[in-house]
C-alpha atoms as a PDB file:
ATOM      1  CA  MET A   1     -13.021 -36.385  53.502  1.00  0.00           C
ATOM      2  CA  PRO A   2     -10.521 -35.675  50.764  1.00  0.00           C
ATOM      3  CA  ILE A   3     -11.073 -37.338  47.366  1.00  0.00           C
ATOM      4  CA  ALA A   4      -8.216 -39.695  46.491  1.00  0.00           C
ATOM      5  CA  PRO A   5      -6.562 -38.934  43.046  1.00  0.00           C
ATOM      6  CA  THR A   6      -6.805 -41.484  40.284  1.00  0.00           C
ATOM      7  CA  PRO A   7      -4.013 -44.001  39.993  1.00  0.00           C
ATOM      8  CA  GLN A   8      -2.827 -42.348  36.854  1.00  0.00           C
ATOM      9  CA  ALA A   9      -2.666 -38.829  38.335  1.00  0.00           C
ATOM     10  CA  LYS A  10      -0.857 -40.139  41.429  1.00  0.00           C
ATOM     11  CA  GLU A  11       1.912 -41.671  39.142  1.00  0.00           C
ATOM     12  CA  GLN A  12       2.318 -38.339  37.487  1.00  0.00           C
ATOM     13  CA  ARG A  13       2.588 -36.143  40.373  1.00  0.00           C
ATOM     14  CA  GLN A  14       5.105 -35.088  43.058  1.00  0.00           C
ATOM     15  CA  GLU A  15       3.732 -34.064  46.436  1.00  0.00           C
ATOM     16  CA  THR A  16       5.121 -30.936  48.185  1.00  0.00           C
ATOM     17  CA  ASN A  17       4.685 -30.009  51.741  1.00  0.00           C
ATOM     18  CA  ILE A  18       2.356 -27.112  52.589  1.00  0.00           C
ATOM     19  CA  PRO A  19       2.783 -25.572  55.991  1.00  0.00           C
ATOM     20  CA  ASN A  20      -0.524 -24.895  57.919  1.00  0.00           C
ATOM     21  CA  ASP A  21      -2.747 -22.105  56.972  1.00  0.00           C
ATOM     22  CA  LYS A  22      -1.589 -21.392  53.327  1.00  0.00           C
ATOM     23  CA  TYR A  23      -4.214 -20.085  50.938  1.00  0.00           C
ATOM     24  CA  ILE A  24      -4.728 -19.501  47.296  1.00  0.00           C
ATOM     25  CA  GLN A  25      -6.716 -16.620  45.993  1.00  0.00           C
ATOM     26  CA  ILE A  26      -8.279 -16.719  42.350  1.00  0.00           C
ATOM     27  CA  HIS A  27      -6.909 -14.093  39.979  1.00  0.00           C
ATOM     28  CA  VAL A  28      -8.934 -15.125  36.847  1.00  0.00           C
ATOM     29  CA  ASP A  29     -12.662 -14.469  36.205  1.00  0.00           C
ATOM     30  CA  LYS A  30     -13.510 -18.185  36.518  1.00  0.00           C
ATOM     31  CA  ALA A  31     -11.481 -21.288  37.397  1.00  0.00           C
ATOM     32  CA  VAL A  32     -12.579 -24.879  37.493  1.00  0.00           C
ATOM     33  CA  VAL A  33     -12.313 -27.386  40.359  1.00  0.00           C
ATOM     34  CA  ARG A  34     -11.690 -31.062  39.322  1.00  0.00           C
ATOM     35  CA  LYS A  35     -12.155 -34.268  41.240  1.00  0.00           C
ATOM     36  CA  SER A  36      -8.441 -35.200  40.878  1.00  0.00           C
ATOM     37  CA  PRO A  37      -5.306 -33.330  39.942  1.00  0.00           C
ATOM     38  CA  ASP A  38      -5.568 -34.166  36.152  1.00  0.00           C
ATOM     39  CA  PHE A  39      -6.938 -32.156  33.227  1.00  0.00           C
ATOM     40  CA  ASP A  40      -9.052 -35.074  32.311  1.00  0.00           C
ATOM     41  CA  ALA A  41     -10.592 -35.383  35.677  1.00  0.00           C
ATOM     42  CA  ILE A  42     -14.376 -34.549  36.135  1.00  0.00           C
ATOM     43  CA  ILE A  43     -15.202 -30.944  36.834  1.00  0.00           C
ATOM     44  CA  ILE A  44     -16.946 -30.650  40.171  1.00  0.00           C
ATOM     45  CA  GLY A  45     -17.386 -26.914  40.523  1.00  0.00           C
ATOM     46  CA  ASN A  46     -16.278 -23.359  39.465  1.00  0.00           C
ATOM     47  CA  LEU A  47     -14.549 -20.699  41.303  1.00  0.00           C
ATOM     48  CA  ILE A  48     -14.665 -16.832  40.641  1.00  0.00           C
ATOM     49  CA  ARG A  49     -12.218 -14.026  40.920  1.00  0.00           C
ATOM     50  CA  ASP A  50     -11.033 -12.930  44.331  1.00  0.00           C
ATOM     51  CA  GLU A  51     -12.259 -16.039  46.180  1.00  0.00           C
ATOM     52  CA  ARG A  52      -9.901 -17.367  48.738  1.00  0.00           C
ATOM     53  CA  PHE A  53      -9.387 -21.018  49.801  1.00  0.00           C
ATOM     54  CA  LYS A  54      -7.239 -22.866  52.322  1.00  0.00           C
ATOM     55  CA  ILE A  55      -4.587 -25.270  50.466  1.00  0.00           C
ATOM     56  CA  LEU A  56      -4.967 -28.798  51.893  1.00  0.00           C
ATOM     57  CA  CYS A  57      -2.246 -30.175  49.550  1.00  0.00           C
ATOM     58  CA  THR A  58      -0.121 -29.206  46.538  1.00  0.00           C
ATOM     59  CA  VAL A  59       1.167 -31.465  43.889  1.00  0.00           C
ATOM     60  CA  LYS A  60       3.315 -30.935  40.696  1.00  0.00           C
ATOM     61  CA  ASP A  61       2.780 -33.126  37.685  1.00  0.00           C
ATOM     62  CA  LYS A  62       5.255 -34.183  35.100  1.00  0.00           C
ATOM     63  CA  LYS A  63       4.355 -31.368  32.885  1.00  0.00           C
ATOM     64  CA  GLY A  64       5.119 -28.740  35.584  1.00  0.00           C
ATOM     65  CA  VAL A  65       1.531 -28.029  36.390  1.00  0.00           C
ATOM     66  CA  ILE A  66       0.975 -27.148  39.989  1.00  0.00           C
ATOM     67  CA  TRP A  67      -2.302 -28.484  41.472  1.00  0.00           C
ATOM     68  CA  TYR A  68      -3.902 -27.275  44.758  1.00  0.00           C
ATOM     69  CA  GLU A  69      -6.232 -29.324  46.853  1.00  0.00           C
ATOM     70  CA  ILE A  70      -8.826 -26.934  48.371  1.00  0.00           C
ATOM     71  CA  ASP A  71     -11.848 -27.311  50.557  1.00  0.00           C
ATOM     72  CA  PHE A  72     -14.103 -25.333  48.195  1.00  0.00           C
ATOM     73  CA  VAL A  73     -17.433 -26.421  49.781  1.00  0.00           C
ATOM     74  CA  GLU A  74     -17.603 -27.234  53.424  1.00  0.00           C
ATOM     75  CA  GLY A  75     -16.661 -30.764  53.777  1.00  0.00           C
ATOM     76  CA  GLN A  76     -15.871 -31.282  50.066  1.00  0.00           C
ATOM     77  CA  SER A  77     -12.413 -30.902  48.537  1.00  0.00           C
ATOM     78  CA  GLY A  78     -11.271 -30.583  44.918  1.00  0.00           C
ATOM     79  CA  TRP A  79      -8.256 -29.601  42.799  1.00  0.00           C
ATOM     80  CA  VAL A  80      -7.473 -26.467  40.983  1.00  0.00           C
ATOM     81  CA  SER A  81      -4.469 -25.974  38.798  1.00  0.00           C
ATOM     82  CA  ASN A  82      -2.069 -22.891  38.352  1.00  0.00           C
ATOM     83  CA  ARG A  83      -2.789 -22.873  34.650  1.00  0.00           C
ATOM     84  CA  GLU A  84      -6.613 -23.450  34.107  1.00  0.00           C
ATOM     85  CA  LYS A  85      -9.571 -21.146  33.868  1.00  0.00           C
ATOM     86  CA  VAL A  86     -12.969 -21.090  32.332  1.00  0.00           C
ATOM     87  CA  ASP A  87     -13.994 -18.445  29.624  1.00  0.00           C
END
Protein backbone atom coordinates (compact mmCIF):
# COMPACT_ATOMS: atom_id res chain seq x y z
CA MET A 1 0.00 0.00 0.00
CA PRO A 2 1.56 3.36 -1.04
CA ILE A 3 2.27 5.93 1.63
CA ALA A 4 0.30 9.15 1.13
CA PRO A 5 2.38 12.32 0.87
CA THR A 6 2.02 14.95 3.53
CA PRO A 7 -0.48 17.74 2.72
CA GLN A 8 2.38 20.24 2.46
CA ALA A 9 4.26 18.08 -0.02
CA LYS A 10 1.09 17.46 -2.03
CA GLU A 11 0.57 21.21 -2.48
CA GLN A 12 4.13 21.68 -3.72
CA ARG A 13 4.19 18.95 -6.32
CA GLN A 14 3.03 18.29 -9.81
CA GLU A 15 2.27 14.70 -10.78
CA THR A 16 3.43 13.30 -14.08
CA ASN A 17 2.19 10.15 -15.76
CA ILE A 18 4.53 7.16 -15.82
CA PRO A 19 3.94 4.44 -18.40
CA ASN A 20 3.96 0.88 -17.06
CA ASP A 21 7.29 -0.77 -16.34
CA LYS A 22 9.57 2.28 -16.06
CA TYR A 23 12.59 1.87 -13.79
CA ILE A 24 15.12 4.01 -11.97
CA GLN A 25 18.71 2.90 -11.40
CA ILE A 26 20.86 4.37 -8.62
CA HIS A 27 24.01 6.06 -9.97
CA VAL A 28 25.47 7.32 -6.68
CA ASP A 29 27.16 5.33 -3.90
CA LYS A 30 24.16 5.76 -1.57
CA ALA A 31 20.76 7.42 -1.90
CA VAL A 32 18.06 7.90 0.74
CA VAL A 33 14.43 6.84 0.59
CA ARG A 34 11.92 9.12 2.29
CA LYS A 35 8.37 8.58 3.52
CA SER A 36 7.01 11.37 1.29
CA PRO A 37 8.37 13.53 -1.56
CA ASP A 38 9.93 16.19 0.65
CA PHE A 39 13.49 16.73 1.94
CA ASP A 40 12.05 17.20 5.46
CA ALA A 41 10.29 13.81 5.36
CA ILE A 42 11.46 10.91 7.50
CA ILE A 43 14.23 8.75 6.00
CA ILE A 44 12.95 5.17 5.80
CA GLY A 45 15.79 3.48 3.93
CA ASN A 46 18.99 3.68 1.92
CA LEU A 47 19.80 2.49 -1.59
CA ILE A 48 23.17 1.61 -3.08
CA ARG A 49 24.75 2.09 -6.50
CA ASP A 50 23.37 0.02 -9.39
CA GLU A 51 20.18 -1.03 -7.58
CA ARG A 52 17.15 -0.83 -9.88
CA PHE A 53 13.54 -0.15 -8.87
CA LYS A 54 10.20 0.09 -10.62
CA ILE A 55 8.77 3.63 -10.62
CA LEU A 56 5.25 3.77 -9.21
CA CYS A 57 4.76 7.53 -9.54
CA THR A 58 6.78 10.64 -10.40
CA VAL A 59 6.22 14.15 -9.08
CA LYS A 60 8.01 17.46 -9.56
CA ASP A 61 8.01 19.96 -6.70
CA LYS A 62 8.05 23.77 -6.93
CA LYS A 63 11.86 23.82 -6.76
CA GLY A 64 12.15 21.56 -9.81
CA VAL A 65 13.20 18.47 -7.86
CA ILE A 66 11.88 15.26 -9.39
CA TRP A 67 10.73 12.62 -6.91
CA TYR A 68 10.21 8.96 -7.75
CA GLU A 69 7.94 6.72 -5.72
CA ILE A 70 9.44 3.24 -5.76
CA ASP A 71 8.62 -0.13 -4.23
CA PHE A 72 12.00 -0.52 -2.49
CA VAL A 73 11.05 -3.33 -0.11
CA GLU A 74 8.36 -5.78 -1.11
CA GLY A 75 5.08 -4.18 -0.11
CA GLN A 76 6.65 -0.90 1.07
CA SER A 77 7.05 2.16 -1.09
CA GLY A 78 9.11 5.28 -0.54
CA TRP A 79 10.35 8.36 -2.38
CA VAL A 80 13.80 9.10 -3.80
CA SER A 81 14.78 12.36 -5.49
CA ASN A 82 16.96 13.07 -8.47
CA ARG A 83 19.18 15.35 -6.32
CA GLU A 84 19.80 13.61 -3.02
CA LYS A 85 22.46 11.18 -1.86
CA VAL A 86 24.06 10.05 1.39
CA ASP A 87 27.82 10.43 1.85
